């Protein structure tokens, strides 16, 4: 009589504990705040202190600075994408939905992280590329909807909007960067008013894409 071959049980990867997930989230939030306030060279030990975790917890989650920076950038872009999805779900005025998205994305201060994308940073990491592609596609959909409604001037691209958000929301490192916050949304609104159709004047050059910005 032939003996049946025993099939080894498939071992499932253990799910991270809730406290481990909370610690990881605290580290990412603390890193985002400190990178924005003090720049790319803030010590990881200081980030651990602000997050309320031990140094070992930081290194257990992120083996090096690049891994932490990448996670921070991805998390900011993910939140920006979620804001764009909420704006796309609105059924009212298309331009006003885009306006609300722009103001929310400025508060994320993703531009403050740009100087940390150094030559040693893997710009083509799959997680980063996926987050970036999703974000850019959603913003383009928001703008296309406003253009189709005749509310957004047709000669602007995603890059035009995002470079303005970046320039107006990037705080100066090593200073009281939060002092300028009260001006950001005022100046953003001035910019947004200039995007309304019909256009008051012709823009020099052509609509700027995100690829244009990456190649600049």
Protein backbone atom coordinates (compact mmCIF):
# COMPACT_ATOMS: atom_id res chain seq x y z
CA UNK A 1 0.00 0.00 0.00
CA UNK A 2 1.44 3.31 -1.07
CA UNK A 3 1.90 5.87 1.67
CA UNK A 4 0.56 9.33 0.86
CA UNK A 5 3.24 11.99 0.71
CA UNK A 6 2.72 14.58 3.39
CA UNK A 7 2.24 18.09 2.03
CA UNK A 8 4.20 20.60 4.08
CA UNK A 9 2.05 23.28 5.64
CA UNK A 10 2.40 26.70 4.08
CA UNK A 11 3.76 29.12 6.64
CA UNK A 12 2.22 32.52 6.46
CA UNK A 13 4.40 35.53 7.13
CA UNK A 14 3.47 36.95 10.52
CA UNK A 15 1.51 40.18 10.36
CA UNK A 16 3.19 43.16 12.01
CA UNK A 17 1.84 43.88 15.47
CA UNK A 18 -0.32 46.95 15.89
CA UNK A 19 2.26 48.60 18.14
CA UNK A 20 4.99 47.97 15.55
CA UNK A 21 2.88 49.63 12.86
CA UNK A 22 2.20 52.60 15.15
CA UNK A 23 5.92 52.97 15.86
CA UNK A 24 6.71 52.94 12.15
CA UNK A 25 4.07 55.60 11.51
CA UNK A 26 5.42 57.76 14.35
CA UNK A 27 8.93 57.52 12.91
CA UNK A 28 7.78 58.54 9.42
CA UNK A 29 5.76 61.48 10.77
CA UNK A 30 8.61 62.67 12.97
CA UNK A 31 11.06 62.37 10.07
CA UNK A 32 8.81 64.39 7.78
CA UNK A 33 8.52 67.17 10.36
CA UNK A 34 12.24 67.30 11.10
CA UNK A 35 13.36 67.07 7.48
CA UNK A 36 11.06 70.02 6.76
CA UNK A 37 12.27 72.06 9.72
CA UNK A 38 16.00 71.29 9.74
CA UNK A 39 16.91 69.86 6.36
CA UNK A 40 18.34 66.56 5.16
CA UNK A 41 21.15 66.21 7.70
CA UNK A 42 19.06 65.98 10.86
CA UNK A 43 20.45 63.10 13.00
CA UNK A 44 18.36 59.94 13.02
CA UNK A 45 18.77 59.86 16.80
CA UNK A 46 16.87 63.17 16.99
CA UNK A 47 14.12 61.70 14.83
CA UNK A 48 13.88 58.75 17.21
CA UNK A 49 13.51 61.10 20.18
CA UNK A 50 10.75 63.10 18.52
CA UNK A 51 8.96 59.89 17.55
CA UNK A 52 9.22 58.64 21.13
CA UNK A 53 10.99 55.41 20.17
CA UNK A 54 14.44 53.97 20.72
CA UNK A 55 17.25 54.20 18.17
CA UNK A 56 17.07 50.45 17.60
CA UNK A 57 13.42 50.76 16.55
CA UNK A 58 14.34 53.29 13.87
CA UNK A 59 17.09 51.10 12.44
CA UNK A 60 14.92 47.99 12.64
CA UNK A 61 12.38 49.68 10.38
CA UNK A 62 14.79 51.65 8.20
CA UNK A 63 18.33 50.29 7.76
CA UNK A 64 19.67 53.60 6.44
CA UNK A 65 18.74 57.23 5.81
CA UNK A 66 17.81 56.62 2.17
CA UNK A 67 15.21 54.03 3.19
CA UNK A 68 13.63 56.47 5.64
CA UNK A 69 13.64 59.39 3.19
CA UNK A 70 12.07 57.19 0.52
CA UNK A 71 9.31 56.12 2.93
CA UNK A 72 8.64 59.74 3.89
CA UNK A 73 8.44 60.85 0.24
CA UNK A 74 6.14 57.93 -0.64
CA UNK A 75 3.87 58.60 2.33
CA UNK A 76 3.54 62.28 1.39
CA UNK A 77 2.76 61.42 -2.22
CA UNK A 78 0.23 58.81 -1.10
CA UNK A 79 -1.59 61.38 1.03
CA UNK A 80 -1.48 63.81 -1.89
CA UNK A 81 -2.99 61.13 -4.14
CA UNK A 82 -5.73 60.47 -1.61
CA UNK A 83 -6.57 64.19 -1.59
CA UNK A 84 -6.74 64.15 -5.40
CA UNK A 85 -9.05 61.12 -5.33
CA UNK A 86 -11.38 62.90 -2.91
CA UNK A 87 -11.40 65.95 -5.19
CA UNK A 88 -12.21 63.78 -8.22
CA UNK A 89 -15.10 62.22 -6.31
CA UNK A 90 -16.72 65.65 -5.87
CA UNK A 91 -19.60 66.33 -8.22
CA UNK A 92 -19.68 70.12 -7.92
CA UNK A 93 -17.53 72.83 -9.48
CA UNK A 94 -14.49 71.23 -11.13
CA UNK A 95 -12.19 74.23 -10.66
CA UNK A 96 -13.10 74.64 -7.00
CA UNK A 97 -12.35 70.93 -6.42
CA UNK A 98 -8.94 71.44 -8.01
CA UNK A 99 -8.36 74.54 -5.88
CA UNK A 100 -9.06 72.63 -2.67
CA UNK A 101 -6.66 69.91 -3.76
CA UNK A 102 -3.87 72.42 -4.46
CA UNK A 103 -4.21 73.98 -1.02
CA UNK A 104 -4.16 70.56 0.68
CA UNK A 105 -1.12 69.42 -1.32
CA UNK A 106 0.76 72.56 -0.33
CA UNK A 107 0.32 71.63 3.33
CA UNK A 108 2.12 68.33 2.68
CA UNK A 109 5.31 70.26 1.79
CA UNK A 110 6.59 67.49 -0.47
CA UNK A 111 8.89 70.10 -2.04
CA UNK A 112 10.84 70.38 1.20
CA UNK A 113 12.06 66.83 0.61
CA UNK A 114 13.44 67.53 -2.87
CA UNK A 115 16.98 68.45 -1.70
CA UNK A 116 17.25 65.03 -0.04
CA UNK A 117 16.92 63.24 -3.35
CA UNK A 118 20.69 63.22 -3.77
CA UNK A 119 22.86 61.38 -6.26
CA UNK A 120 22.97 58.36 -3.95
CA UNK A 121 19.18 58.23 -3.62
CA UNK A 122 17.48 55.61 -5.79
CA UNK A 123 15.07 57.79 -7.76
CA UNK A 124 13.90 54.74 -9.72
CA UNK A 125 12.96 52.60 -6.73
CA UNK A 126 9.70 50.74 -7.62
CA UNK A 127 7.82 52.10 -4.58
CA UNK A 128 8.81 55.67 -5.41
CA UNK A 129 7.96 55.32 -9.11
CA UNK A 130 4.56 53.79 -8.34
CA UNK A 131 3.64 56.53 -5.85
CA UNK A 132 4.83 59.26 -8.22
CA UNK A 133 2.98 57.84 -11.25
CA UNK A 134 -0.29 57.48 -9.33
CA UNK A 135 -0.04 61.02 -7.98
CA UNK A 136 0.73 62.61 -11.36
CA UNK A 137 -2.07 60.74 -13.14
CA UNK A 138 -4.65 61.85 -10.57
CA UNK A 139 -3.57 65.49 -10.77
CA UNK A 140 -3.77 65.35 -14.55
CA UNK A 141 -7.30 63.95 -14.32
CA UNK A 142 -8.30 66.82 -12.00
CA UNK A 143 -6.90 69.38 -14.41
CA UNK A 144 -8.40 67.72 -17.48
CA UNK A 145 -11.83 67.80 -15.85
CA UNK A 146 -11.52 71.52 -15.12
CA UNK A 147 -10.31 72.14 -18.69
CA UNK A 148 -13.25 70.17 -20.13
CA UNK A 149 -15.59 72.35 -18.07
CA UNK A 150 -14.01 75.44 -19.64
CA UNK A 151 -12.81 76.66 -16.24
CA UNK A 152 -9.06 76.02 -16.47
CA UNK A 153 -6.95 77.70 -19.12
CA UNK A 154 -5.81 75.10 -21.67
CA UNK A 155 -2.17 76.21 -21.89
CA UNK A 156 -1.04 74.87 -18.48
CA UNK A 157 0.17 71.42 -17.46
CA UNK A 158 0.65 69.43 -14.29
CA UNK A 159 4.20 70.71 -14.02
CA UNK A 160 3.02 74.33 -14.03
CA UNK A 161 0.79 73.68 -11.03
CA UNK A 162 3.22 71.57 -9.04
CA UNK A 163 6.22 73.87 -9.50
CA UNK A 164 4.14 76.75 -8.16
CA UNK A 165 3.05 74.66 -5.18
CA UNK A 166 6.67 73.67 -4.60
CA UNK A 167 8.01 77.20 -4.77
CA UNK A 168 5.32 78.67 -2.54
CA UNK A 169 5.33 75.94 0.09
CA UNK A 170 9.05 75.15 0.46
CA UNK A 171 10.25 76.47 3.82
CA UNK A 172 13.81 77.71 4.36
CA UNK A 173 15.84 75.14 6.33
CA UNK A 174 17.38 76.18 9.61
CA UNK A 175 14.94 79.02 10.23
CA UNK A 176 11.53 79.30 11.81
CA UNK A 177 10.02 77.82 8.69
CA UNK A 178 6.48 77.82 10.05
CA UNK A 179 6.39 81.65 10.22
CA UNK A 180 5.68 81.88 6.50
CA UNK A 181 2.75 79.47 6.61
CA UNK A 182 0.21 82.27 6.87
CA UNK A 183 1.32 83.60 3.47
CA UNK A 184 1.32 80.30 1.55
CA UNK A 185 -2.40 79.93 0.92
CA UNK A 186 -2.85 83.63 0.16
CA UNK A 187 -0.20 83.49 -2.58
CA UNK A 188 -1.45 80.14 -3.84
CA UNK A 189 -4.89 81.65 -4.34
CA UNK A 190 -3.39 84.50 -6.33
CA UNK A 191 -1.72 81.89 -8.54
CA UNK A 192 -4.92 79.83 -8.86
CA UNK A 193 -6.90 82.88 -9.92
CA UNK A 194 -4.43 83.25 -12.77
CA UNK A 195 -5.25 79.72 -13.95
CA UNK A 196 -8.92 80.44 -14.55
CA UNK A 197 -10.29 80.50 -18.07
CA UNK A 198 -10.60 82.60 -20.09
CA UNK A 199 -6.92 83.50 -19.93
CA UNK A 200 -6.07 87.21 -19.65
CA UNK A 201 -2.80 86.82 -21.57
CA UNK A 202 -0.73 84.31 -23.52
CA UNK A 203 1.93 82.39 -21.60
CA UNK A 204 5.46 82.23 -22.99
CA UNK A 205 6.66 78.74 -23.85
CA UNK A 206 4.53 75.60 -23.63
CA UNK A 207 2.66 73.79 -20.86
CA UNK A 208 5.11 72.24 -18.38
CA UNK A 209 4.94 68.51 -17.69
CA UNK A 210 6.39 66.67 -14.70
CA UNK A 211 8.90 65.07 -17.05
CA UNK A 212 10.07 68.56 -18.03
CA UNK A 213 10.73 69.28 -14.35
CA UNK A 214 12.64 66.03 -13.86
CA UNK A 215 14.89 66.78 -16.84
CA UNK A 216 15.49 70.41 -15.88
